PDB file of N, CA and C in Angstrom:
ATOM      1  N   LEU A   1       2.177 -24.991  -9.189  1.00  0.00           N
ATOM      2  CA  LEU A   1       2.268 -26.193  -8.395  1.00  0.00           C
ATOM      3  C   LEU A   1       3.058 -25.874  -7.128  1.00  0.00           C
ATOM      4  N   THR A   2       2.437 -26.049  -5.982  1.00  0.00           N
ATOM      5  CA  THR A   2       3.120 -25.880  -4.707  1.00  0.00           C
ATOM      6  C   THR A   2       2.782 -27.086  -3.838  1.00  0.00           C
ATOM      7  N   ARG A   3       3.367 -27.151  -2.683  1.00  0.00           N
ATOM      8  CA  ARG A   3       3.039 -28.261  -1.785  1.00  0.00           C
ATOM      9  C   ARG A   3       1.619 -28.142  -1.242  1.00  0.00           C
ATOM     10  N   HIS A   4       1.006 -26.964  -1.436  1.00  0.00           N
ATOM     11  CA  HIS A   4      -0.348 -26.727  -0.952  1.00  0.00           C
ATOM     12  C   HIS A   4      -1.416 -27.004  -2.003  1.00  0.00           C
ATOM     13  N   GLY A   5      -1.016 -27.182  -3.245  1.00  0.00           N
ATOM     14  CA  GLY A   5      -1.990 -27.447  -4.291  1.00  0.00           C
ATOM     15  C   GLY A   5      -1.443 -27.134  -5.661  1.00  0.00           C
ATOM     16  N   GLU A   6      -2.303 -27.277  -6.643  1.00  0.00           N
ATOM     17  CA  GLU A   6      -1.903 -26.962  -8.010  1.00  0.00           C
ATOM     18  C   GLU A   6      -3.067 -26.309  -8.734  1.00  0.00           C
ATOM     19  N   ASP A   7      -2.743 -25.577  -9.762  1.00  0.00           N
ATOM     20  CA  ASP A   7      -3.745 -24.862 -10.529  1.00  0.00           C
ATOM     21  C   ASP A   7      -3.180 -24.620 -11.917  1.00  0.00           C
ATOM     22  N   ILE A   8      -4.041 -24.292 -12.838  1.00  0.00           N
ATOM     23  CA  ILE A   8      -3.630 -23.912 -14.187  1.00  0.00           C
ATOM     24  C   ILE A   8      -4.193 -22.522 -14.438  1.00  0.00           C
ATOM     25  N   LEU A   9      -3.322 -21.613 -14.794  1.00  0.00           N
ATOM     26  CA  LEU A   9      -3.751 -20.260 -15.097  1.00  0.00           C
ATOM     27  C   LEU A   9      -3.864 -20.096 -16.603  1.00  0.00           C
ATOM     28  N   PRO A  10      -4.901 -19.419 -17.056  1.00  0.00           N
ATOM     29  CA  PRO A  10      -5.016 -19.201 -18.501  1.00  0.00           C
ATOM     30  C   PRO A  10      -3.926 -18.252 -18.993  1.00  0.00           C
ATOM     31  N   ILE A  11      -3.547 -18.423 -20.235  1.00  0.00           N
ATOM     32  CA  ILE A  11      -2.542 -17.553 -20.835  1.00  0.00           C
ATOM     33  C   ILE A  11      -3.204 -16.292 -21.368  1.00  0.00           C
ATOM     34  N   PHE A  12      -2.391 -15.338 -21.730  1.00  0.00           N
ATOM     35  CA  PHE A  12      -2.867 -14.151 -22.419  1.00  0.00           C
ATOM     36  C   PHE A  12      -2.542 -14.358 -23.898  1.00  0.00           C
ATOM     37  N   PRO A  13      -3.541 -14.630 -24.728  1.00  0.00           N
ATOM     38  CA  PRO A  13      -3.246 -14.835 -26.147  1.00  0.00           C
ATOM     39  C   PRO A  13      -2.831 -13.516 -26.795  1.00  0.00           C
ATOM     40  N   VAL A  14      -1.619 -13.466 -27.279  1.00  0.00           N
ATOM     41  CA  VAL A  14      -1.078 -12.268 -27.920  1.00  0.00           C
ATOM     42  C   VAL A  14      -0.313 -12.688 -29.172  1.00  0.00           C
ATOM     43  N   PRO A  15      -0.185 -11.793 -30.125  1.00  0.00           N
ATOM     44  CA  PRO A  15       0.614 -12.105 -31.311  1.00  0.00           C
ATOM     45  C   PRO A  15       2.106 -12.031 -30.972  1.00  0.00           C
ATOM     46  N   ALA A  16       2.794 -13.134 -31.063  1.00  0.00           N
ATOM     47  CA  ALA A  16       4.220 -13.179 -30.734  1.00  0.00           C
ATOM     48  C   ALA A  16       5.063 -12.871 -31.966  1.00  0.00           C
ATOM     49  N   VAL A  17       5.987 -11.927 -31.800  1.00  0.00           N
ATOM     50  CA  VAL A  17       6.915 -11.619 -32.884  1.00  0.00           C
ATOM     51  C   VAL A  17       8.344 -12.029 -32.540  1.00  0.00           C
ATOM     52  N   ASN A  18       8.627 -12.194 -31.253  1.00  0.00           N
ATOM     53  CA  ASN A  18       9.965 -12.583 -30.824  1.00  0.00           C
ATOM     54  C   ASN A  18       9.871 -13.095 -29.387  1.00  0.00           C
ATOM     55  N   THR A  19      10.255 -14.328 -29.170  1.00  0.00           N
ATOM     56  CA  THR A  19      10.142 -14.890 -27.824  1.00  0.00           C
ATOM     57  C   THR A  19      11.401 -14.687 -26.978  1.00  0.00           C
ATOM     58  N   THR A  20      12.431 -14.094 -27.581  1.00  0.00           N
ATOM     59  CA  THR A  20      13.653 -13.832 -26.820  1.00  0.00           C
ATOM     60  C   THR A  20      13.329 -12.893 -25.662  1.00  0.00           C
ATOM     61  N   GLY A  21      13.680 -13.305 -24.471  1.00  0.00           N
ATOM     62  CA  GLY A  21      13.458 -12.474 -23.297  1.00  0.00           C
ATOM     63  C   GLY A  21      12.162 -12.757 -22.561  1.00  0.00           C
ATOM     64  N   ALA A  22      11.302 -13.613 -23.108  1.00  0.00           N
ATOM     65  CA  ALA A  22      10.012 -13.873 -22.459  1.00  0.00           C
ATOM     66  C   ALA A  22      10.182 -14.444 -21.057  1.00  0.00           C
ATOM     67  N   GLY A  23      11.090 -15.376 -20.903  1.00  0.00           N
ATOM     68  CA  GLY A  23      11.333 -15.962 -19.584  1.00  0.00           C
ATOM     69  C   GLY A  23      11.905 -14.943 -18.609  1.00  0.00           C
ATOM     70  N   ASP A  24      12.792 -14.089 -19.123  1.00  0.00           N
ATOM     71  CA  ASP A  24      13.356 -13.038 -18.274  1.00  0.00           C
ATOM     72  C   ASP A  24      12.273 -12.052 -17.835  1.00  0.00           C
ATOM     73  N   ALA A  25      11.389 -11.697 -18.768  1.00  0.00           N
ATOM     74  CA  ALA A  25      10.297 -10.782 -18.426  1.00  0.00           C
ATOM     75  C   ALA A  25       9.379 -11.426 -17.389  1.00  0.00           C
ATOM     76  N   PHE A  26       9.069 -12.714 -17.571  1.00  0.00           N
ATOM     77  CA  PHE A  26       8.226 -13.430 -16.610  1.00  0.00           C
ATOM     78  C   PHE A  26       8.881 -13.427 -15.225  1.00  0.00           C
ATOM     79  N   MET A  27      10.158 -13.802 -15.175  1.00  0.00           N
ATOM     80  CA  MET A  27      10.839 -13.874 -13.871  1.00  0.00           C
ATOM     81  C   MET A  27      10.976 -12.489 -13.241  1.00  0.00           C
ATOM     82  N   GLY A  28      11.239 -11.479 -14.059  1.00  0.00           N
ATOM     83  CA  GLY A  28      11.305 -10.114 -13.533  1.00  0.00           C
ATOM     84  C   GLY A  28       9.980  -9.694 -12.929  1.00  0.00           C
ATOM     85  N   GLY A  29       8.884 -10.024 -13.621  1.00  0.00           N
ATOM     86  CA  GLY A  29       7.557  -9.712 -13.097  1.00  0.00           C
ATOM     87  C   GLY A  29       7.267 -10.455 -11.804  1.00  0.00           C
ATOM     88  N   LEU A  30       7.654 -11.721 -11.752  1.00  0.00           N
ATOM     89  CA  LEU A  30       7.429 -12.508 -10.536  1.00  0.00           C
ATOM     90  C   LEU A  30       8.255 -11.957  -9.375  1.00  0.00           C
ATOM     91  N   LEU A  31       9.510 -11.651  -9.635  1.00  0.00           N
ATOM     92  CA  LEU A  31      10.354 -11.092  -8.573  1.00  0.00           C
ATOM     93  C   LEU A  31       9.835  -9.739  -8.101  1.00  0.00           C
ATOM     94  N   ASN A  32       9.304  -8.950  -9.022  1.00  0.00           N
ATOM     95  CA  ASN A  32       8.698  -7.681  -8.641  1.00  0.00           C
ATOM     96  C   ASN A  32       7.559  -7.897  -7.659  1.00  0.00           C
ATOM     97  N   ARG A  33       6.684  -8.845  -7.966  1.00  0.00           N
ATOM     98  CA  ARG A  33       5.541  -9.113  -7.084  1.00  0.00           C
ATOM     99  C   ARG A  33       5.999  -9.677  -5.742  1.00  0.00           C
ATOM    100  N   LEU A  34       6.990 -10.553  -5.752  1.00  0.00           N
ATOM    101  CA  LEU A  34       7.491 -11.099  -4.485  1.00  0.00           C
ATOM    102  C   LEU A  34       8.090  -9.999  -3.622  1.00  0.00           C
ATOM    103  N   ALA A  35       8.783  -9.056  -4.255  1.00  0.00           N
ATOM    104  CA  ALA A  35       9.355  -7.934  -3.505  1.00  0.00           C
ATOM    105  C   ALA A  35       8.249  -7.041  -2.956  1.00  0.00           C
ATOM    106  N   LEU A  36       7.237  -6.747  -3.776  1.00  0.00           N
ATOM    107  CA  LEU A  36       6.128  -5.914  -3.295  1.00  0.00           C
ATOM    108  C   LEU A  36       5.365  -6.583  -2.162  1.00  0.00           C
ATOM    109  N   GLU A  37       5.256  -7.900  -2.225  1.00  0.00           N
ATOM    110  CA  GLU A  37       4.567  -8.664  -1.174  1.00  0.00           C
ATOM    111  C   GLU A  37       5.463  -8.897   0.040  1.00  0.00           C
ATOM    112  N   ARG A  38       6.704  -8.445  -0.068  1.00  0.00           N
ATOM    113  CA  ARG A  38       7.691  -8.627   0.999  1.00  0.00           C
ATOM    114  C   ARG A  38       7.871 -10.100   1.383  1.00  0.00           C
ATOM    115  N   VAL A  39       7.919 -10.949   0.363  1.00  0.00           N
ATOM    116  CA  VAL A  39       8.118 -12.380   0.592  1.00  0.00           C
ATOM    117  C   VAL A  39       9.596 -12.618   0.878  1.00  0.00           C
ATOM    118  N   ARG A  40       9.852 -13.250   2.000  1.00  0.00           N
ATOM    119  CA  ARG A  40      11.198 -13.586   2.445  1.00  0.00           C
ATOM    120  C   ARG A  40      11.217 -15.079   2.765  1.00  0.00           C
ATOM    121  N   PRO A  41      12.386 -15.658   2.955  1.00  0.00           N
ATOM    122  CA  PRO A  41      12.424 -17.083   3.295  1.00  0.00           C
ATOM    123  C   PRO A  41      11.558 -17.429   4.507  1.00  0.00           C
ATOM    124  N   ALA A  42      11.519 -16.534   5.470  1.00  0.00           N
ATOM    125  CA  ALA A  42      10.758 -16.801   6.697  1.00  0.00           C
ATOM    126  C   ALA A  42       9.253 -16.848   6.461  1.00  0.00           C
ATOM    127  N   ASN A  43       8.742 -16.143   5.436  1.00  0.00           N
ATOM    128  CA  ASN A  43       7.297 -16.147   5.213  1.00  0.00           C
ATOM    129  C   ASN A  43       6.899 -16.731   3.849  1.00  0.00           C
ATOM    130  N   LEU A  44       7.837 -17.400   3.196  1.00  0.00           N
ATOM    131  CA  LEU A  44       7.549 -17.991   1.892  1.00  0.00           C
ATOM    132  C   LEU A  44       6.434 -19.032   1.977  1.00  0.00           C
ATOM    133  N   ASP A  45       6.458 -19.892   2.986  1.00  0.00           N
ATOM    134  CA  ASP A  45       5.408 -20.903   3.111  1.00  0.00           C
ATOM    135  C   ASP A  45       4.026 -20.272   3.259  1.00  0.00           C
ATOM    136  N   ALA A  46       3.926 -19.202   4.019  1.00  0.00           N
ATOM    137  CA  ALA A  46       2.640 -18.526   4.183  1.00  0.00           C
ATOM    138  C   ALA A  46       2.173 -17.933   2.858  1.00  0.00           C
ATOM    139  N   PHE A  47       3.104 -17.348   2.111  1.00  0.00           N
ATOM    140  CA  PHE A  47       2.756 -16.808   0.797  1.00  0.00           C
ATOM    141  C   PHE A  47       2.252 -17.927  -0.116  1.00  0.00           C
ATOM    142  N   LEU A  48       2.974 -19.023  -0.181  1.00  0.00           N
ATOM    143  CA  LEU A  48       2.592 -20.137  -1.063  1.00  0.00           C
ATOM    144  C   LEU A  48       1.282 -20.793  -0.646  1.00  0.00           C
ATOM    145  N   ALA A  49       0.934 -20.682   0.619  1.00  0.00           N
ATOM    146  CA  ALA A  49      -0.324 -21.257   1.105  1.00  0.00           C
ATOM    147  C   ALA A  49      -1.531 -20.401   0.726  1.00  0.00           C
ATOM    148  N   ASP A  50      -1.292 -19.171   0.316  1.00  0.00           N
ATOM    149  CA  ASP A  50      -2.368 -18.258  -0.065  1.00  0.00           C
ATOM    150  C   ASP A  50      -2.521 -18.292  -1.581  1.00  0.00           C
ATOM    151  N   ALA A  51      -3.413 -19.125  -2.063  1.00  0.00           N
ATOM    152  CA  ALA A  51      -3.566 -19.360  -3.501  1.00  0.00           C
ATOM    153  C   ALA A  51      -3.853 -18.083  -4.281  1.00  0.00           C
ATOM    154  N   GLU A  52      -4.598 -17.170  -3.715  1.00  0.00           N
ATOM    155  CA  GLU A  52      -4.929 -15.926  -4.429  1.00  0.00           C
ATOM    156  C   GLU A  52      -3.702 -15.034  -4.584  1.00  0.00           C
ATOM    157  N   ARG A  53      -2.897 -14.929  -3.561  1.00  0.00           N
ATOM    158  CA  ARG A  53      -1.669 -14.130  -3.666  1.00  0.00           C
ATOM    159  C   ARG A  53      -0.724 -14.722  -4.701  1.00  0.00           C
ATOM    160  N   VAL A  54      -0.594 -16.033  -4.697  1.00  0.00           N
ATOM    161  CA  VAL A  54       0.264 -16.699  -5.682  1.00  0.00           C
ATOM    162  C   VAL A  54      -0.291 -16.483  -7.086  1.00  0.00           C
ATOM    163  N   ARG A  55      -1.596 -16.631  -7.239  1.00  0.00           N
ATOM    164  CA  ARG A  55      -2.228 -16.461  -8.545  1.00  0.00           C
ATOM    165  C   ARG A  55      -2.008 -15.045  -9.075  1.00  0.00           C
ATOM    166  N   GLN A  56      -2.160 -14.044  -8.233  1.00  0.00           N
ATOM    167  CA  GLN A  56      -1.969 -12.669  -8.660  1.00  0.00           C
ATOM    168  C   GLN A  56      -0.510 -12.396  -9.061  1.00  0.00           C
ATOM    169  N   ALA A  57       0.424 -12.941  -8.325  1.00  0.00           N
ATOM    170  CA  ALA A  57       1.841 -12.764  -8.657  1.00  0.00           C
ATOM    171  C   ALA A  57       2.166 -13.420  -9.998  1.00  0.00           C
ATOM    172  N   LEU A  58       1.655 -14.629 -10.204  1.00  0.00           N
ATOM    173  CA  LEU A  58       1.916 -15.330 -11.463  1.00  0.00           C
ATOM    174  C   LEU A  58       1.186 -14.676 -12.631  1.00  0.00           C
ATOM    175  N   ARG A  59       0.029 -14.137 -12.383  1.00  0.00           N
ATOM    176  CA  ARG A  59      -0.722 -13.438 -13.430  1.00  0.00           C
ATOM    177  C   ARG A  59       0.045 -12.192 -13.887  1.00  0.00           C
ATOM    178  N   PHE A  60       0.608 -11.447 -12.943  1.00  0.00           N
ATOM    179  CA  PHE A  60       1.412 -10.281 -13.291  1.00  0.00           C
ATOM    180  C   PHE A  60       2.647 -10.710 -14.080  1.00  0.00           C
ATOM    181  N   ALA A  61       3.308 -11.761 -13.636  1.00  0.00           N
ATOM    182  CA  ALA A  61       4.491 -12.266 -14.339  1.00  0.00           C
ATOM    183  C   ALA A  61       4.138 -12.699 -15.755  1.00  0.00           C
ATOM    184  N   SER A  62       3.011 -13.354 -15.909  1.00  0.00           N
ATOM    185  CA  SER A  62       2.560 -13.796 -17.221  1.00  0.00           C
ATOM    186  C   SER A  62       2.263 -12.605 -18.131  1.00  0.00           C
ATOM    187  N   ALA A  63       1.700 -11.561 -17.574  1.00  0.00           N
ATOM    188  CA  ALA A  63       1.442 -10.347 -18.356  1.00  0.00           C
ATOM    189  C   ALA A  63       2.748  -9.741 -18.851  1.00  0.00           C
ATOM    190  N   CYS A  64       3.758  -9.743 -18.013  1.00  0.00           N
ATOM    191  CA  CYS A  64       5.069  -9.223 -18.425  1.00  0.00           C
ATOM    192  C   CYS A  64       5.630 -10.039 -19.586  1.00  0.00           C
ATOM    193  N   GLY A  65       5.510 -11.352 -19.516  1.00  0.00           N
ATOM    194  CA  GLY A  65       5.964 -12.200 -20.614  1.00  0.00           C
ATOM    195  C   GLY A  65       5.160 -11.964 -21.878  1.00  0.00           C
ATOM    196  N   ALA A  66       3.852 -11.799 -21.738  1.00  0.00           N
ATOM    197  CA  ALA A  66       2.983 -11.567 -22.896  1.00  0.00           C
ATOM    198  C   ALA A  66       3.325 -10.255 -23.592  1.00  0.00           C
ATOM    199  N   LEU A  67       3.606  -9.227 -22.815  1.00  0.00           N
ATOM    200  CA  LEU A  67       3.989  -7.948 -23.413  1.00  0.00           C
ATOM    201  C   LEU A  67       5.329  -8.054 -24.126  1.00  0.00           C
ATOM    202  N   CYS A  68       6.258  -8.762 -23.537  1.00  0.00           N
ATOM    203  CA  CYS A  68       7.597  -8.898 -24.088  1.00  0.00           C
ATOM    204  C   CYS A  68       7.590  -9.553 -25.467  1.00  0.00           C
ATOM    205  N   VAL A  69       6.827 -10.607 -25.645  1.00  0.00           N
ATOM    206  CA  VAL A  69       6.882 -11.361 -26.910  1.00  0.00           C
ATOM    207  C   VAL A  69       6.255 -10.618 -28.079  1.00  0.00           C
ATOM    208  N   GLN A  70       5.593  -9.519 -27.799  1.00  0.00           N
ATOM    209  CA  GLN A  70       4.960  -8.753 -28.872  1.00  0.00           C
ATOM    210  C   GLN A  70       5.918  -7.759 -29.529  1.00  0.00           C
ATOM    211  N   ARG A  71       7.171  -7.716 -29.061  1.00  0.00           N
ATOM    212  CA  ARG A  71       8.133  -6.740 -29.568  1.00  0.00           C
ATOM    213  C   ARG A  71       9.429  -7.401 -29.966  1.00  0.00           C
ATOM    214  N   HIS A  72      10.179  -6.718 -30.775  1.00  0.00           N
ATOM    215  CA  HIS A  72      11.516  -7.171 -31.150  1.00  0.00           C
ATOM    216  C   HIS A  72      12.525  -6.658 -30.138  1.00  0.00           C
ATOM    217  N   GLY A  73      13.623  -7.361 -30.035  1.00  0.00           N
ATOM    218  CA  GLY A  73      14.699  -6.949 -29.149  1.00  0.00           C
ATOM    219  C   GLY A  73      14.662  -7.720 -27.846  1.00  0.00           C
ATOM    220  N   THR A  74      15.689  -7.523 -27.069  1.00  0.00           N
ATOM    221  CA  THR A  74      15.759  -8.193 -25.777  1.00  0.00           C
ATOM    222  C   THR A  74      15.456  -7.192 -24.673  1.00  0.00           C
ATOM    223  N   PHE A  75      16.342  -6.269 -24.436  1.00  0.00           N
ATOM    224  CA  PHE A  75      16.108  -5.279 -23.389  1.00  0.00           C
ATOM    225  C   PHE A  75      14.969  -4.336 -23.765  1.00  0.00           C
ATOM    226  N   GLU A  76      14.889  -4.014 -25.051  1.00  0.00           N
ATOM    227  CA  GLU A  76      13.854  -3.094 -25.519  1.00  0.00           C
ATOM    228  C   GLU A  76      12.451  -3.661 -25.345  1.00  0.00           C
ATOM    229  N   SER A  77      12.349  -4.967 -25.293  1.00  0.00           N
ATOM    230  CA  SER A  77      11.030  -5.600 -25.216  1.00  0.00           C
ATOM    231  C   SER A  77      10.502  -5.736 -23.790  1.00  0.00           C
ATOM    232  N   MET A  78      11.333  -5.449 -22.805  1.00  0.00           N
ATOM    233  CA  MET A  78      10.897  -5.583 -21.419  1.00  0.00           C
ATOM    234  C   MET A  78       9.854  -4.516 -21.091  1.00  0.00           C
ATOM    235  N   PRO A  79       8.719  -4.934 -20.529  1.00  0.00           N
ATOM    236  CA  PRO A  79       7.670  -3.955 -20.235  1.00  0.00           C
ATOM    237  C   PRO A  79       7.975  -3.135 -18.987  1.00  0.00           C
ATOM    238  N   ALA A  80       7.463  -1.926 -18.988  1.00  0.00           N
ATOM    239  CA  ALA A  80       7.538  -1.070 -17.800  1.00  0.00           C
ATOM    240  C   ALA A  80       6.425  -1.484 -16.841  1.00  0.00           C
ATOM    241  N   LEU A  81       6.589  -1.157 -15.583  1.00  0.00           N
ATOM    242  CA  LEU A  81       5.604  -1.493 -14.558  1.00  0.00           C
ATOM    243  C   LEU A  81       4.217  -0.976 -14.931  1.00  0.00           C
ATOM    244  N   ALA A  82       4.129   0.300 -15.295  1.00  0.00           N
ATOM    245  CA  ALA A  82       2.827   0.896 -15.630  1.00  0.00           C
ATOM    246  C   ALA A  82       2.190   0.199 -16.832  1.00  0.00           C
ATOM    247  N   GLU A  83       3.011  -0.219 -17.762  1.00  0.00           N
ATOM    248  CA  GLU A  83       2.509  -0.913 -18.941  1.00  0.00           C
ATOM    249  C   GLU A  83       1.904  -2.270 -18.567  1.00  0.00           C
ATOM    250  N   ALA A  84       2.575  -3.008 -17.712  1.00  0.00           N
ATOM    251  CA  ALA A  84       2.062  -4.311 -17.273  1.00  0.00           C
ATOM    252  C   ALA A  84       0.774  -4.136 -16.472  1.00  0.00           C
ATOM    253  N   GLU A  85       0.735  -3.143 -15.612  1.00  0.00           N
ATOM    254  CA  GLU A  85      -0.477  -2.904 -14.829  1.00  0.00           C
ATOM    255  C   GLU A  85      -1.643  -2.500 -15.722  1.00  0.00           C
ATOM    256  N   ALA A  86      -1.386  -1.652 -16.731  1.00  0.00           N
ATOM    257  CA  ALA A  86      -2.439  -1.250 -17.668  1.00  0.00           C
ATOM    258  C   ALA A  86      -2.919  -2.442 -18.493  1.00  0.00           C
ATOM    259  N   PHE A  87      -2.014  -3.309 -18.891  1.00  0.00           N
ATOM    260  CA  PHE A  87      -2.362  -4.514 -19.645  1.00  0.00           C
ATOM    261  C   PHE A  87      -3.337  -5.370 -18.828  1.00  0.00           C
ATOM    262  N   LEU A  88      -3.074  -5.528 -17.545  1.00  0.00           N
ATOM    263  CA  LEU A  88      -3.928  -6.354 -16.692  1.00  0.00           C
ATOM    264  C   LEU A  88      -5.293  -5.719 -16.429  1.00  0.00           C
ATOM    265  N   GLU A  89      -5.366  -4.396 -16.461  1.00  0.00           N
ATOM    266  CA  GLU A  89      -6.654  -3.731 -16.237  1.00  0.00           C
ATOM    267  C   GLU A  89      -7.665  -4.093 -17.316  1.00  0.00           C
ATOM    268  N   ASP A  90      -7.171  -4.400 -18.503  1.00  0.00           N
ATOM    269  CA  ASP A  90      -8.048  -4.737 -19.617  1.00  0.00           C
ATOM    270  C   ASP A  90      -8.441  -6.217 -19.652  1.00  0.00           C
ATOM    271  N   LYS A  91      -7.896  -7.003 -18.726  1.00  0.00           N
ATOM    272  CA  LYS A  91      -8.136  -8.451 -18.727  1.00  0.00           C
ATOM    273  C   LYS A  91      -9.001  -8.852 -17.541  1.00  0.00           C
ATOM    274  N   PRO A  92      -9.956  -9.751 -17.775  1.00  0.00           N
ATOM    275  CA  PRO A  92     -10.821 -10.207 -16.643  1.00  0.00           C
ATOM    276  C   PRO A  92     -10.060 -11.037 -15.631  1.00  0.00           C
TER     277      PRO A  92
END
């Protein structure tokens, strides 16, 4: 949901064994994408106006959360970058 519109993204159905850290993994994934996209306060509105860029960032963040909940532990459950990217390659 942004001031430019709203959308619903499908989840990644995965077997959850521990939800501890899922929000942290999601936010870490989102911050990673914002950093890669070089989103700063000055260009945040432009980023949010581009629905595809926002969707891709949130999709990556969601993948990080999905990977996290499949494992036990907090820090141990955080996915690596390559792992999240490989997870997304298998998803339409």
